[in-house]
Amino acid sequence: MEKLKVDKKKGVNKNIIIAVVVVVLVAVVAVAGSMFLLNKGDNKKELEKSLEEMGRDFYENLYYDQIGGSADERTSLLSKFTTVGIKIDLDNLGRYNNGEYKDKISEFSNKKTKEKCSKTDTKVVVYPKSPFGKTDYKMEVELECGFEKDKK
């Protein structure tokens, strides 16, 4: 009689384990699906990151090295841009370093609306800050490819 009870418990435990596994799988699929639907077609963050990387490279490896003949002159010139910023658009980034970013820039578009980013209005703005070293700045990106219209 005891053997029969033991077999029943094993069967119940097996059913509980299977049920838990099924519930976990359904939850994982639901979470993954909702994340996919929420991010479907929205590549704004990806474009912002890419633009920021290109702007950082341009500013630190070209612009900064070419502005001013001395540290004092460079500081004097950069201090004039602390509030207005240095605007670097996609058009200029496309010509930088023998067209290094040309292919990357040609793919700049809003995946949701299929709108290409404006090469003159999509830009990174670098705000130099004291003590005006090569990496002393803050940066903002401006995308002009229909992301604002999409939110309305």
Protein backbone atom coordinates (compact mmCIF):
# COMPACT_ATOMS: atom_id res chain seq x y z
CA MET A 1 0.00 0.00 0.00
CA GLU A 2 2.85 2.38 0.78
CA LYS A 3 4.41 1.81 -2.62
CA LEU A 4 1.26 3.14 -4.30
CA LYS A 5 1.43 6.40 -2.29
CA VAL A 6 5.07 6.96 -3.21
CA ASP A 7 4.30 6.56 -6.92
CA LYS A 8 1.45 9.09 -6.65
CA LYS A 9 3.75 11.67 -5.06
CA LYS A 10 6.35 11.23 -7.82
CA GLY A 11 3.64 11.75 -10.44
CA VAL A 12 2.36 14.90 -8.70
CA ASN A 13 5.90 16.30 -8.35
CA LYS A 14 6.58 15.65 -12.03
CA ASN A 15 3.35 17.43 -13.03
CA ILE A 16 4.21 20.43 -10.84
CA ILE A 17 7.68 20.70 -12.36
CA ILE A 18 6.26 20.54 -15.89
CA ALA A 19 3.67 23.22 -15.04
CA VAL A 20 6.32 25.52 -13.55
CA VAL A 21 8.56 25.10 -16.60
CA VAL A 22 5.65 25.91 -18.93
CA VAL A 23 4.71 29.03 -16.91
CA VAL A 24 8.34 30.25 -16.95
CA LEU A 25 8.63 29.70 -20.71
CA VAL A 26 5.38 31.57 -21.36
CA ALA A 27 6.59 34.47 -19.18
CA VAL A 28 9.94 34.64 -21.00
CA VAL A 29 8.25 34.63 -24.40
CA ALA A 30 5.79 37.34 -23.28
CA VAL A 31 8.56 39.60 -21.95
CA ALA A 32 10.72 39.13 -25.06
CA GLY A 33 7.76 39.77 -27.34
CA SER A 34 6.74 42.96 -25.56
CA MET A 35 10.32 44.25 -25.65
CA PHE A 36 10.47 43.56 -29.38
CA LEU A 37 7.17 45.34 -30.02
CA LEU A 38 8.17 48.37 -27.94
CA ASN A 39 11.47 48.78 -29.80
CA LYS A 40 10.15 47.81 -33.22
CA GLY A 41 11.61 50.17 -35.77
CA ASP A 42 12.81 52.81 -33.30
CA ASN A 43 16.50 53.32 -33.91
CA LYS A 44 16.80 56.78 -32.36
CA LYS A 45 19.15 55.69 -29.55
CA GLU A 46 21.34 53.78 -32.02
CA LEU A 47 21.64 56.84 -34.29
CA GLU A 48 22.35 59.15 -31.35
CA LYS A 49 25.13 56.88 -30.12
CA SER A 50 26.67 56.60 -33.58
CA LEU A 51 26.52 60.37 -34.13
CA GLU A 52 28.07 60.98 -30.73
CA GLU A 53 30.96 58.61 -31.51
CA MET A 54 31.63 60.27 -34.86
CA GLY A 55 31.43 63.75 -33.30
CA ARG A 56 33.82 62.75 -30.50
CA ASP A 57 36.34 61.44 -33.03
CA PHE A 58 36.02 64.57 -35.20
CA TYR A 59 36.40 66.99 -32.30
CA GLU A 60 39.21 65.22 -30.44
CA ASN A 61 41.28 64.10 -33.42
CA LEU A 62 40.81 66.95 -35.91
CA TYR A 63 39.15 70.08 -34.63
CA TYR A 64 40.87 70.31 -31.25
CA ASP A 65 44.33 69.69 -32.71
CA GLN A 66 43.87 72.35 -35.40
CA ILE A 67 42.42 75.19 -33.32
CA GLY A 68 44.95 77.68 -31.98
CA GLY A 69 48.72 77.64 -32.14
CA SER A 70 49.29 77.47 -28.38
CA ALA A 71 47.44 76.26 -25.29
CA ASP A 72 46.53 79.86 -24.35
CA GLU A 73 45.26 80.62 -27.83
CA ARG A 74 43.27 77.38 -27.89
CA THR A 75 41.72 78.18 -24.49
CA SER A 76 40.81 81.68 -25.66
CA LEU A 77 39.16 80.39 -28.84
CA LEU A 78 37.31 77.47 -27.21
CA SER A 79 36.00 79.64 -24.37
CA LYS A 80 33.93 81.53 -26.95
CA PHE A 81 31.97 78.34 -27.70
CA THR A 82 31.00 77.27 -24.17
CA THR A 83 27.38 78.37 -24.58
CA VAL A 84 26.78 78.32 -28.34
CA GLY A 85 28.71 75.13 -29.04
CA ILE A 86 30.59 73.89 -32.05
CA LYS A 87 28.11 72.39 -34.52
CA ILE A 88 29.30 69.45 -36.62
CA ASP A 89 26.71 68.21 -39.11
CA LEU A 90 26.51 64.92 -41.02
CA ASP A 91 27.73 66.64 -44.17
CA ASN A 92 31.04 67.61 -42.51
CA LEU A 93 31.38 64.24 -40.80
CA GLY A 94 30.98 62.59 -44.20
CA ARG A 95 34.02 64.44 -45.54
CA TYR A 96 36.13 63.88 -42.42
CA ASN A 97 39.19 61.64 -42.67
CA ASN A 98 38.80 60.90 -46.42
CA GLY A 99 35.15 59.91 -46.06
CA GLU A 100 35.69 57.44 -43.22
CA TYR A 101 32.05 57.75 -42.10
CA LYS A 102 30.43 58.16 -45.53
CA ASP A 103 28.90 54.65 -45.59
CA LYS A 104 27.71 54.91 -42.00
CA ILE A 105 26.09 58.30 -42.68
CA SER A 106 24.34 57.04 -45.83
CA GLU A 107 22.37 54.67 -43.56
CA PHE A 108 21.19 57.47 -41.23
CA SER A 109 17.41 57.26 -41.42
CA ASN A 110 14.40 56.77 -39.17
CA LYS A 111 13.53 53.07 -39.56
CA LYS A 112 9.95 53.67 -38.46
CA THR A 113 9.09 56.46 -40.91
CA LYS A 114 11.76 55.62 -43.53
CA GLU A 115 12.74 59.32 -43.48
CA LYS A 116 16.41 60.01 -44.29
CA CYS A 117 18.23 62.22 -41.80
CA SER A 118 19.02 65.72 -43.01
CA LYS A 119 22.76 66.03 -43.65
CA THR A 120 22.77 69.68 -42.58
CA ASP A 121 20.26 69.65 -39.70
CA THR A 122 21.37 66.37 -38.10
CA LYS A 123 24.38 67.31 -36.04
CA VAL A 124 26.39 66.93 -32.91
CA VAL A 125 27.02 70.06 -30.84
CA VAL A 126 30.19 70.17 -28.75
CA TYR A 127 30.26 72.55 -25.77
CA PRO A 128 33.88 73.01 -24.62
CA LYS A 129 34.37 73.55 -20.90
CA SER A 130 37.17 74.63 -18.65
CA PRO A 131 40.08 73.77 -18.48
CA PHE A 132 39.57 73.23 -22.25
CA GLY A 133 41.54 70.02 -22.63
CA LYS A 134 40.91 67.58 -25.48
CA THR A 135 38.16 65.75 -23.57
CA ASP A 136 36.77 68.69 -21.58
CA TYR A 137 33.38 69.16 -23.22
CA LYS A 138 29.79 68.08 -23.13
CA MET A 139 27.96 66.95 -26.21
CA GLU A 140 24.41 67.02 -27.53
CA VAL A 141 23.03 65.36 -30.65
CA GLU A 142 20.25 66.70 -32.86
CA LEU A 143 18.52 64.25 -35.17
CA GLU A 144 16.38 65.59 -37.98
CA CYS A 145 14.71 62.54 -39.46
CA GLY A 146 11.12 62.51 -38.25
CA PHE A 147 11.50 61.29 -34.67
CA GLU A 148 9.74 64.35 -33.25
CA LYS A 149 6.83 64.07 -35.69
CA ASP A 150 6.49 60.37 -34.85
CA LYS A 151 5.82 61.08 -31.15
CA LYS A 152 2.94 63.49 -31.81
